[in-house]
Amino acid sequence: MGGNKLLFTDLETERLLLKSIALDDKGFILSQFSNDTINRYLFDAEPMTSLDDATELINFYMQPEPRLQHRWVIVSKSEKEKIGTCGFHCWNQKDRSVEVGYDLCEAFWGKGYMTEAMKEIISFARNWMGVREIRACIYLDNSKSIILAERLGFIFSGTCHQAFRDKDYLHNNYSLHLD
């Protein structure tokens, strides 16, 4: 009778709504991923320049379930404003591991919003996805992201090189074990 229940749903914290990314977010996604401050440490794609770029990213995260990635748009309840995104990609169900990514508008840095959002999606990964390890790959100079990861219990697990625009960028790998 009832259809398949979707795994990925909207989440809520005390101050935030984590809403599943949707096509009506393309203006925000474009502004977020064309912003030089946000893109300063993202060495995996060119900054966005069009709504088509935003639509392509959204469509990647909106593929029909079951899928191996999901992104939430972080909305401040009090401001009723989209302030960032967070989510998972490269979910390896066999190894029960996943990679995490997150970004936040600069005006909202230092207020604990990303810590709050990350705690919620870490709980989601543990309780609903059955994940045992969450990995983060963070550029060496991204000290705020490194501090956040370490505050959440992520442990340094090595380094890796990311090639972007014919340059090599050293990144730290972090792991959070949920066992």
N, C-alpha and C. Protein backbone atom coordinates (compact mmCIF):
# COMPACT_ATOMS: atom_id res chain seq x y z
N MET A 1 0.82 -1.19 0.00
CA MET A 1 0.00 0.00 0.00
C MET A 1 0.86 1.26 0.00
N GLY A 2 1.49 1.57 1.16
CA GLY A 2 2.33 2.76 1.21
C GLY A 2 3.54 2.58 0.33
N GLY A 3 3.98 3.65 -0.34
CA GLY A 3 5.14 3.58 -1.23
C GLY A 3 6.41 3.45 -0.43
N ASN A 4 7.51 3.43 -1.14
CA ASN A 4 8.81 3.36 -0.48
C ASN A 4 9.04 4.61 0.34
N LYS A 5 9.49 4.43 1.56
CA LYS A 5 9.82 5.56 2.42
C LYS A 5 11.21 6.05 2.02
N LEU A 6 11.35 7.34 1.84
CA LEU A 6 12.64 7.91 1.48
C LEU A 6 13.55 7.97 2.70
N LEU A 7 14.82 7.67 2.48
CA LEU A 7 15.80 7.75 3.56
C LEU A 7 16.09 9.20 3.91
N PHE A 8 16.37 10.00 2.90
CA PHE A 8 16.80 11.38 3.14
C PHE A 8 15.60 12.30 3.31
N THR A 9 15.51 12.90 4.47
CA THR A 9 14.39 13.79 4.78
C THR A 9 14.94 15.09 5.35
N ASP A 10 14.05 16.06 5.52
CA ASP A 10 14.44 17.30 6.17
C ASP A 10 14.73 17.01 7.64
N LEU A 11 15.65 17.78 8.20
CA LEU A 11 16.04 17.63 9.60
C LEU A 11 15.86 18.98 10.29
N GLU A 12 15.79 18.95 11.61
CA GLU A 12 15.58 20.19 12.34
C GLU A 12 16.40 20.17 13.62
N THR A 13 16.97 21.32 13.97
CA THR A 13 17.68 21.50 15.23
C THR A 13 17.01 22.67 15.95
N GLU A 14 17.57 23.06 17.06
CA GLU A 14 16.99 24.16 17.82
C GLU A 14 16.88 25.45 17.00
N ARG A 15 17.94 25.77 16.26
CA ARG A 15 17.96 27.04 15.52
C ARG A 15 17.88 26.89 14.01
N LEU A 16 17.95 25.64 13.51
CA LEU A 16 18.11 25.44 12.08
C LEU A 16 17.10 24.45 11.50
N LEU A 17 16.75 24.69 10.24
CA LEU A 17 16.05 23.72 9.42
C LEU A 17 17.06 23.26 8.37
N LEU A 18 17.26 21.96 8.28
CA LEU A 18 18.10 21.40 7.23
C LEU A 18 17.15 20.81 6.21
N LYS A 19 16.93 21.56 5.14
CA LYS A 19 15.97 21.11 4.13
C LYS A 19 16.70 20.48 2.96
N SER A 20 16.16 19.39 2.49
CA SER A 20 16.77 18.71 1.35
C SER A 20 16.85 19.68 0.18
N ILE A 21 17.99 19.68 -0.48
CA ILE A 21 18.21 20.60 -1.60
C ILE A 21 17.15 20.36 -2.67
N ALA A 22 16.72 21.44 -3.31
CA ALA A 22 15.67 21.37 -4.33
C ALA A 22 15.95 22.41 -5.42
N LEU A 23 15.28 22.27 -6.54
CA LEU A 23 15.52 23.19 -7.66
C LEU A 23 15.24 24.65 -7.30
N ASP A 24 14.34 24.88 -6.33
CA ASP A 24 14.07 26.28 -5.97
C ASP A 24 15.22 26.89 -5.15
N ASP A 25 16.28 26.13 -4.90
CA ASP A 25 17.46 26.63 -4.21
C ASP A 25 18.54 27.12 -5.18
N LYS A 26 18.27 27.06 -6.49
CA LYS A 26 19.36 27.32 -7.44
C LYS A 26 19.93 28.73 -7.34
N GLY A 27 19.13 29.73 -7.02
CA GLY A 27 19.67 31.08 -6.83
C GLY A 27 20.63 31.14 -5.66
N PHE A 28 20.26 30.50 -4.56
CA PHE A 28 21.14 30.46 -3.39
C PHE A 28 22.41 29.66 -3.69
N ILE A 29 22.27 28.50 -4.32
CA ILE A 29 23.42 27.66 -4.63
C ILE A 29 24.38 28.42 -5.55
N LEU A 30 23.85 29.13 -6.53
CA LEU A 30 24.72 29.93 -7.40
C LEU A 30 25.45 31.00 -6.60
N SER A 31 24.74 31.72 -5.73
CA SER A 31 25.40 32.77 -4.96
C SER A 31 26.43 32.18 -4.00
N GLN A 32 26.14 31.02 -3.44
CA GLN A 32 27.06 30.38 -2.49
C GLN A 32 28.33 29.91 -3.19
N PHE A 33 28.17 29.21 -4.31
CA PHE A 33 29.32 28.58 -4.96
C PHE A 33 29.94 29.44 -6.07
N SER A 34 29.55 30.70 -6.13
CA SER A 34 30.26 31.67 -6.97
C SER A 34 30.99 32.68 -6.08
N ASN A 35 30.79 32.57 -4.77
CA ASN A 35 31.38 33.47 -3.78
C ASN A 35 32.86 33.12 -3.57
N ASP A 36 33.73 34.11 -3.73
CA ASP A 36 35.18 33.86 -3.61
C ASP A 36 35.57 33.35 -2.23
N THR A 37 34.93 33.86 -1.18
CA THR A 37 35.26 33.42 0.18
C THR A 37 34.91 31.96 0.38
N ILE A 38 33.73 31.56 -0.08
CA ILE A 38 33.29 30.16 0.05
C ILE A 38 34.19 29.25 -0.78
N ASN A 39 34.55 29.70 -1.98
CA ASN A 39 35.32 28.87 -2.91
C ASN A 39 36.82 28.86 -2.65
N ARG A 40 37.29 29.66 -1.72
CA ARG A 40 38.72 29.80 -1.48
C ARG A 40 39.40 28.45 -1.22
N TYR A 41 38.72 27.53 -0.55
CA TYR A 41 39.33 26.26 -0.17
C TYR A 41 38.72 25.06 -0.88
N LEU A 42 37.87 25.30 -1.87
CA LEU A 42 37.24 24.20 -2.60
C LEU A 42 38.02 23.96 -3.89
N PHE A 43 38.80 22.89 -3.89
CA PHE A 43 39.64 22.60 -5.04
C PHE A 43 39.14 21.38 -5.78
N ASP A 44 37.83 21.35 -6.02
CA ASP A 44 37.26 20.21 -6.75
C ASP A 44 36.40 20.64 -7.93
N ALA A 45 36.12 21.92 -8.05
CA ALA A 45 35.29 22.39 -9.17
C ALA A 45 35.50 23.89 -9.33
N GLU A 46 35.30 24.35 -10.55
CA GLU A 46 35.38 25.78 -10.81
C GLU A 46 34.23 26.49 -10.08
N PRO A 47 34.45 27.75 -9.67
CA PRO A 47 33.33 28.51 -9.10
C PRO A 47 32.17 28.57 -10.11
N MET A 48 30.96 28.55 -9.61
CA MET A 48 29.79 28.59 -10.49
C MET A 48 29.66 29.95 -11.14
N THR A 49 29.15 29.93 -12.36
CA THR A 49 28.96 31.20 -13.09
C THR A 49 27.55 31.34 -13.64
N SER A 50 26.72 30.30 -13.51
CA SER A 50 25.38 30.38 -14.10
C SER A 50 24.38 29.54 -13.31
N LEU A 51 23.10 29.83 -13.54
CA LEU A 51 22.06 29.02 -12.92
C LEU A 51 22.11 27.58 -13.42
N ASP A 52 22.61 27.38 -14.65
CA ASP A 52 22.76 26.02 -15.17
C ASP A 52 23.75 25.22 -14.31
N ASP A 53 24.84 25.88 -13.86
CA ASP A 53 25.80 25.21 -12.97
C ASP A 53 25.11 24.78 -11.69
N ALA A 54 24.30 25.68 -11.12
CA ALA A 54 23.59 25.38 -9.87
C ALA A 54 22.60 24.24 -10.09
N THR A 55 21.88 24.27 -11.18
CA THR A 55 20.91 23.22 -11.49
C THR A 55 21.60 21.87 -11.62
N GLU A 56 22.78 21.84 -12.25
CA GLU A 56 23.53 20.60 -12.42
C GLU A 56 23.92 20.02 -11.05
N LEU A 57 24.40 20.85 -10.14
CA LEU A 57 24.76 20.39 -8.80
C LEU A 57 23.53 19.87 -8.05
N ILE A 58 22.44 20.62 -8.12
CA ILE A 58 21.21 20.21 -7.43
C ILE A 58 20.71 18.88 -7.98
N ASN A 59 20.73 18.73 -9.29
CA ASN A 59 20.28 17.47 -9.89
C ASN A 59 21.13 16.29 -9.44
N PHE A 60 22.44 16.51 -9.25
CA PHE A 60 23.32 15.45 -8.75
C PHE A 60 22.84 14.98 -7.38
N TYR A 61 22.48 15.92 -6.51
CA TYR A 61 22.05 15.57 -5.16
C TYR A 61 20.58 15.14 -5.09
N MET A 62 19.84 15.32 -6.17
CA MET A 62 18.42 14.94 -6.16
C MET A 62 18.13 13.68 -6.97
N GLN A 63 19.16 12.93 -7.36
CA GLN A 63 18.91 11.69 -8.08
C GLN A 63 17.97 10.82 -7.26
N PRO A 64 17.17 10.01 -7.92
CA PRO A 64 16.23 9.17 -7.18
C PRO A 64 16.95 8.27 -6.17
N GLU A 65 16.30 8.03 -5.05
CA GLU A 65 16.85 7.09 -4.07
C GLU A 65 16.61 5.68 -4.57
N PRO A 66 17.46 4.72 -4.22
CA PRO A 66 18.62 4.90 -3.35
C PRO A 66 19.75 5.61 -4.10
N ARG A 67 20.44 6.50 -3.39
CA ARG A 67 21.58 7.22 -3.96
C ARG A 67 22.69 7.30 -2.92
N LEU A 68 23.87 7.67 -3.37
CA LEU A 68 25.05 7.65 -2.51
C LEU A 68 25.48 9.04 -2.07
N GLN A 69 24.59 10.03 -2.24
CA GLN A 69 24.89 11.39 -1.84
C GLN A 69 23.61 12.13 -1.47
N HIS A 70 23.76 13.14 -0.63
CA HIS A 70 22.62 13.99 -0.26
C HIS A 70 23.16 15.31 0.25
N ARG A 71 22.43 16.37 -0.01
CA ARG A 71 22.83 17.71 0.47
C ARG A 71 21.61 18.38 1.07
N TRP A 72 21.84 19.03 2.21
CA TRP A 72 20.80 19.84 2.85
C TRP A 72 21.18 21.31 2.73
N VAL A 73 20.18 22.15 2.54
CA VAL A 73 20.37 23.60 2.63
C VAL A 73 20.06 23.99 4.06
N ILE A 74 20.97 24.71 4.68
CA ILE A 74 20.82 25.12 6.08
C ILE A 74 20.06 26.44 6.11
N VAL A 75 18.94 26.44 6.83
CA VAL A 75 18.09 27.63 6.93
C VAL A 75 18.04 28.06 8.39
N SER A 76 18.34 29.32 8.65
CA SER A 76 18.21 29.86 10.00
C SER A 76 16.72 30.08 10.28
N LYS A 77 16.22 29.46 11.35
CA LYS A 77 14.80 29.63 11.68
C LYS A 77 14.47 31.07 12.04
N SER A 78 15.33 31.73 12.81
CA SER A 78 15.02 33.09 13.25
C SER A 78 15.12 34.08 12.09
N GLU A 79 16.11 33.91 11.24
CA GLU A 79 16.30 34.84 10.10
C GLU A 79 15.45 34.43 8.90
N LYS A 80 14.98 33.17 8.90
CA LYS A 80 14.27 32.61 7.74
C LYS A 80 15.09 32.82 6.46
N GLU A 81 16.38 32.52 6.59
CA GLU A 81 17.33 32.78 5.51
C GLU A 81 18.20 31.54 5.29
N LYS A 82 18.49 31.26 4.01
CA LYS A 82 19.41 30.17 3.67
C LYS A 82 20.82 30.65 3.98
N ILE A 83 21.57 29.86 4.78
CA ILE A 83 22.87 30.33 5.24
C ILE A 83 24.03 29.40 4.86
N GLY A 84 23.75 28.24 4.32
CA GLY A 84 24.82 27.33 3.94
C GLY A 84 24.28 25.99 3.49
N THR A 85 25.18 25.04 3.30
CA THR A 85 24.78 23.68 2.95
C THR A 85 25.68 22.69 3.68
N CYS A 86 25.20 21.47 3.80
CA CYS A 86 26.01 20.38 4.33
C CYS A 86 25.45 19.09 3.78
N GLY A 87 26.29 18.08 3.75
CA GLY A 87 25.77 16.81 3.25
C GLY A 87 26.85 15.78 3.05
N PHE A 88 26.45 14.69 2.44
CA PHE A 88 27.30 13.53 2.26
C PHE A 88 27.45 13.20 0.79
N HIS A 89 28.60 12.62 0.46
CA HIS A 89 28.84 12.09 -0.88
C HIS A 89 29.77 10.88 -0.73
N CYS A 90 29.89 10.12 -1.80
CA CYS A 90 30.75 8.93 -1.81
C CYS A 90 30.40 7.95 -0.69
N TRP A 91 29.11 7.72 -0.49
CA TRP A 91 28.67 6.78 0.54
C TRP A 91 29.01 5.37 0.08
N ASN A 92 29.83 4.68 0.84
CA ASN A 92 30.18 3.29 0.56
C ASN A 92 29.40 2.43 1.55
N GLN A 93 28.29 1.89 1.10
CA GLN A 93 27.42 1.14 2.00
C GLN A 93 28.07 -0.15 2.49
N LYS A 94 28.90 -0.76 1.66
CA LYS A 94 29.57 -2.01 2.06
C LYS A 94 30.54 -1.73 3.21
N ASP A 95 31.35 -0.68 3.07
CA ASP A 95 32.33 -0.32 4.12
C ASP A 95 31.72 0.54 5.22
N ARG A 96 30.46 0.95 5.01
CA ARG A 96 29.73 1.79 5.97
C ARG A 96 30.48 3.10 6.26
N SER A 97 30.95 3.73 5.17
CA SER A 97 31.66 4.99 5.29
C SER A 97 31.08 6.00 4.32
N VAL A 98 31.32 7.28 4.61
CA VAL A 98 30.80 8.35 3.77
C VAL A 98 31.71 9.57 3.94
N GLU A 99 31.74 10.43 2.93
CA GLU A 99 32.47 11.69 3.02
C GLU A 99 31.47 12.82 3.29
N VAL A 100 31.93 13.81 4.04
CA VAL A 100 31.08 14.94 4.40
C VAL A 100 31.63 16.21 3.75
N GLY A 101 30.73 17.12 3.44
CA GLY A 101 31.10 18.44 2.95
C GLY A 101 30.16 19.48 3.55
N TYR A 102 30.66 20.70 3.70
CA TYR A 102 29.84 21.75 4.30
C TYR A 102 30.38 23.11 3.93
N ASP A 103 29.51 24.11 3.93
CA ASP A 103 29.89 25.49 3.64
C ASP A 103 28.88 26.41 4.32
N LEU A 104 29.32 27.60 4.66
CA LEU A 104 28.49 28.54 5.39
C LEU A 104 28.78 29.96 4.92
N CYS A 105 27.73 30.76 4.74
CA CYS A 105 27.90 32.17 4.39
C CYS A 105 28.73 32.86 5.47
N GLU A 106 29.65 33.69 5.05
CA GLU A 106 30.59 34.32 5.97
C GLU A 106 29.90 35.10 7.09
N ALA A 107 28.76 35.73 6.81
CA ALA A 107 28.04 36.52 7.81
C ALA A 107 27.60 35.67 9.00
N PHE A 108 27.59 34.34 8.85
CA PHE A 108 27.11 33.46 9.90
C PHE A 108 28.23 32.66 10.56
N TRP A 109 29.48 32.95 10.21
CA TRP A 109 30.62 32.26 10.82
C TRP A 109 30.70 32.62 12.30
N GLY A 110 31.19 31.69 13.09
CA GLY A 110 31.48 31.95 14.50
C GLY A 110 30.27 31.97 15.42
N LYS A 111 29.12 31.52 14.94
CA LYS A 111 27.90 31.54 15.75
C LYS A 111 27.44 30.13 16.14
N GLY A 112 28.23 29.12 15.79
CA GLY A 112 27.91 27.75 16.15
C GLY A 112 26.90 27.07 15.24
N TYR A 113 26.51 27.72 14.15
CA TYR A 113 25.50 27.12 13.26
C TYR A 113 26.01 25.84 12.60
N MET A 114 27.25 25.84 12.11
CA MET A 114 27.74 24.65 11.42
C MET A 114 27.96 23.51 12.40
N THR A 115 28.40 23.81 13.61
CA THR A 115 28.52 22.76 14.63
C THR A 115 27.16 22.11 14.87
N GLU A 116 26.13 22.94 14.99
CA GLU A 116 24.77 22.44 15.22
C GLU A 116 24.28 21.58 14.05
N ALA A 117 24.52 22.06 12.83
CA ALA A 117 24.09 21.31 11.64
C ALA A 117 24.86 19.99 11.53
N MET A 118 26.16 20.04 11.75
CA MET A 118 26.99 18.85 11.63
C MET A 118 26.62 17.79 12.67
N LYS A 119 26.35 18.21 13.90
CA LYS A 119 25.95 17.24 14.91
C LYS A 119 24.68 16.50 14.47
N GLU A 120 23.77 17.22 13.85
CA GLU A 120 22.51 16.61 13.40
C GLU A 120 22.75 15.62 12.26
N ILE A 121 23.59 15.99 11.28
CA ILE A 121 23.78 15.06 10.16
C ILE A 121 24.69 13.89 10.56
N ILE A 122 25.58 14.09 11.53
CA ILE A 122 26.38 12.97 12.05
C ILE A 122 25.44 11.96 12.73
N SER A 123 24.51 12.46 13.51
CA SER A 123 23.51 11.60 14.15
C SER A 123 22.69 10.87 13.09
N PHE A 124 22.30 11.57 12.04
CA PHE A 124 21.55 10.97 10.94
C PHE A 124 22.35 9.85 10.29
N ALA A 125 23.64 10.10 10.04
CA ALA A 125 24.50 9.09 9.41
C ALA A 125 24.59 7.84 10.28
N ARG A 126 24.71 8.04 11.58
CA ARG A 126 24.82 6.91 12.51
C ARG A 126 23.50 6.14 12.57
N ASN A 127 22.40 6.86 12.79
CA ASN A 127 21.12 6.22 13.10
C ASN A 127 20.32 5.77 11.89
N TRP A 128 20.46 6.43 10.74
CA TRP A 128 19.62 6.12 9.59
C TRP A 128 20.37 5.54 8.41
N MET A 129 21.66 5.90 8.28
CA MET A 129 22.45 5.40 7.16
C MET A 129 23.31 4.20 7.57
N GLY A 130 23.44 3.95 8.87
CA GLY A 130 24.27 2.85 9.34
C GLY A 130 25.75 3.07 9.12
N VAL A 131 26.17 4.33 9.06
CA VAL A 131 27.56 4.67 8.80
C VAL A 131 28.40 4.47 10.07
N ARG A 132 29.59 3.93 9.88
CA ARG A 132 30.54 3.76 10.98
C ARG A 132 31.69 4.75 10.93
N GLU A 133 31.95 5.30 9.73
CA GLU A 133 33.06 6.26 9.58
C GLU A 133 32.64 7.39 8.65
N ILE A 134 32.86 8.62 9.11
CA ILE A 134 32.64 9.80 8.28
C ILE A 134 34.01 10.41 8.03
N ARG A 135 34.31 10.69 6.76
CA ARG A 135 35.60 11.25 6.40
C ARG A 135 35.44 12.69 5.89
N ALA A 136 36.44 13.48 6.18
CA ALA A 136 36.50 14.86 5.68
C ALA A 136 37.89 15.10 5.10
N CYS A 137 37.94 15.72 3.95
CA CYS A 137 39.19 16.07 3.28
C CYS A 137 39.25 17.60 3.28
N ILE A 138 40.18 18.19 4.04
CA ILE A 138 40.18 19.63 4.29
C ILE A 138 41.52 20.24 3.87
N TYR A 139 41.45 21.28 3.08
CA TYR A 139 42.65 21.99 2.63
C TYR A 139 43.42 22.52 3.84
N LEU A 140 44.74 22.38 3.82
CA LEU A 140 45.62 22.73 4.94
C LEU A 140 45.37 24.12 5.52
N ASP A 141 45.10 25.11 4.65
CA ASP A 141 44.94 26.49 5.12
C ASP A 141 43.53 26.80 5.64
N ASN A 142 42.61 25.83 5.57
CA ASN A 142 41.24 26.07 6.00
C ASN A 142 41.13 25.79 7.50
N SER A 143 41.72 26.68 8.29
CA SER A 143 41.83 26.45 9.74
C SER A 143 40.47 26.38 10.42
N LYS A 144 39.48 27.17 9.99
CA LYS A 144 38.16 27.13 10.62
C LYS A 144 37.50 25.76 10.43
N SER A 145 37.66 25.18 9.25
CA SER A 145 37.08 23.86 8.99
C SER A 145 37.81 22.79 9.79
N ILE A 146 39.11 22.91 9.90
CA ILE A 146 39.89 21.95 10.68
C ILE A 146 39.48 22.02 12.15
N ILE A 147 39.34 23.22 12.69
CA ILE A 147 38.91 23.39 14.08
C ILE A 147 37.53 22.77 14.29
N LEU A 148 36.60 23.02 13.36
CA LEU A 148 35.25 22.44 13.46
C LEU A 148 35.33 20.91 13.47
N ALA A 149 36.06 20.34 12.52
CA ALA A 149 36.15 18.88 12.45
C ALA A 149 36.73 18.31 13.75
N GLU A 150 37.79 18.92 14.24
CA GLU A 150 38.40 18.40 15.48
C GLU A 150 37.46 18.56 16.67
N ARG A 151 36.73 19.66 16.74
CA ARG A 151 35.77 19.88 17.83
C ARG A 151 34.68 18.82 17.80
N LEU A 152 34.34 18.33 16.61
CA LEU A 152 33.30 17.30 16.48
C LEU A 152 33.85 15.89 16.69
N GLY A 153 35.14 15.78 16.95
CA GLY A 153 35.73 14.47 17.24
C GLY A 153 36.44 13.82 16.07
N PHE A 154 36.56 14.50 14.94
CA PHE A 154 37.30 13.95 13.81
C PHE A 154 38.78 13.90 14.18
N ILE A 155 39.44 12.83 13.77
CA ILE A 155 40.84 12.59 14.06
C ILE A 155 41.64 12.66 12.76
N PHE A 156 42.77 13.35 12.78
CA PHE A 156 43.66 13.43 11.63
C PHE A 156 44.09 12.02 11.24
N SER A 157 43.98 11.70 9.94
CA SER A 157 44.32 10.34 9.50
C SER A 157 45.30 10.32 8.33
N GLY A 158 45.91 11.47 8.00
CA GLY A 158 46.88 11.50 6.91
C GLY A 158 46.65 12.68 5.99
N THR A 159 47.42 12.72 4.93
CA THR A 159 47.31 13.81 3.96
C THR A 159 47.07 13.23 2.58
N CYS A 160 46.58 14.07 1.70
CA CYS A 160 46.42 13.68 0.30
C CYS A 160 46.62 14.92 -0.56
N HIS A 161 46.88 14.70 -1.82
CA HIS A 161 47.05 15.80 -2.76
C HIS A 161 45.81 15.89 -3.64
N GLN A 162 45.34 17.10 -3.86
CA GLN A 162 44.23 17.34 -4.78
C GLN A 162 44.76 18.21 -5.92
N ALA A 163 44.63 17.73 -7.14
CA ALA A 163 45.05 18.52 -8.29
C ALA A 163 43.89 19.38 -8.76
N PHE A 164 44.16 20.66 -8.99
CA PHE A 164 43.13 21.58 -9.47
C PHE A 164 43.81 22.67 -10.28
N ARG A 165 43.34 22.88 -11.51
CA ARG A 165 43.92 23.88 -12.41
C ARG A 165 45.43 23.70 -12.54
N ASP A 166 45.85 22.45 -12.72
CA ASP A 166 47.26 22.11 -12.90
C ASP A 166 48.15 22.46 -11.72
N LYS A 167 47.56 22.63 -10.55
CA LYS A 167 48.34 22.84 -9.33
C LYS A 167 47.98 21.74 -8.34
N ASP A 168 48.90 21.48 -7.43
CA ASP A 168 48.72 20.44 -6.43
C ASP A 168 48.45 21.10 -5.08
N TYR A 169 47.38 20.69 -4.40
CA TYR A 169 47.02 21.27 -3.10
C TYR A 169 47.00 20.17 -2.05
N LEU A 170 47.78 20.37 -0.99
CA LEU A 170 47.84 19.38 0.09
C LEU A 170 46.63 19.54 1.00
N HIS A 171 45.97 18.44 1.28
CA HIS A 171 44.80 18.39 2.15
C HIS A 171 45.05 17.44 3.31
N ASN A 172 44.43 17.71 4.43
CA ASN A 172 44.42 16.78 5.56
C ASN A 172 43.17 15.92 5.46
N ASN A 173 43.34 14.65 5.77
CA ASN A 173 42.20 13.75 5.88
C ASN A 173 41.86 13.58 7.35
N TYR A 174 40.57 13.59 7.64
CA TYR A 174 40.08 13.39 9.01
C TYR A 174 39.02 12.30 8.98
N SER A 175 38.93 11.55 10.08
CA SER A 175 37.93 10.49 10.19
C SER A 175 37.23 10.60 11.54
N LEU A 176 35.94 10.37 11.49
CA LEU A 176 35.14 10.28 12.71
C LEU A 176 34.57 8.86 12.75
N HIS A 177 34.96 8.09 13.76
CA HIS A 177 34.47 6.72 13.90
C HIS A 177 33.26 6.72 14.83
N LEU A 178 32.17 6.12 14.34
CA LEU A 178 30.89 6.15 15.06
C LEU A 178 30.58 4.87 15.80
N ASP A 179 31.48 3.90 15.79
CA ASP A 179 31.21 2.62 16.45
C ASP A 179 30.94 2.79 17.92
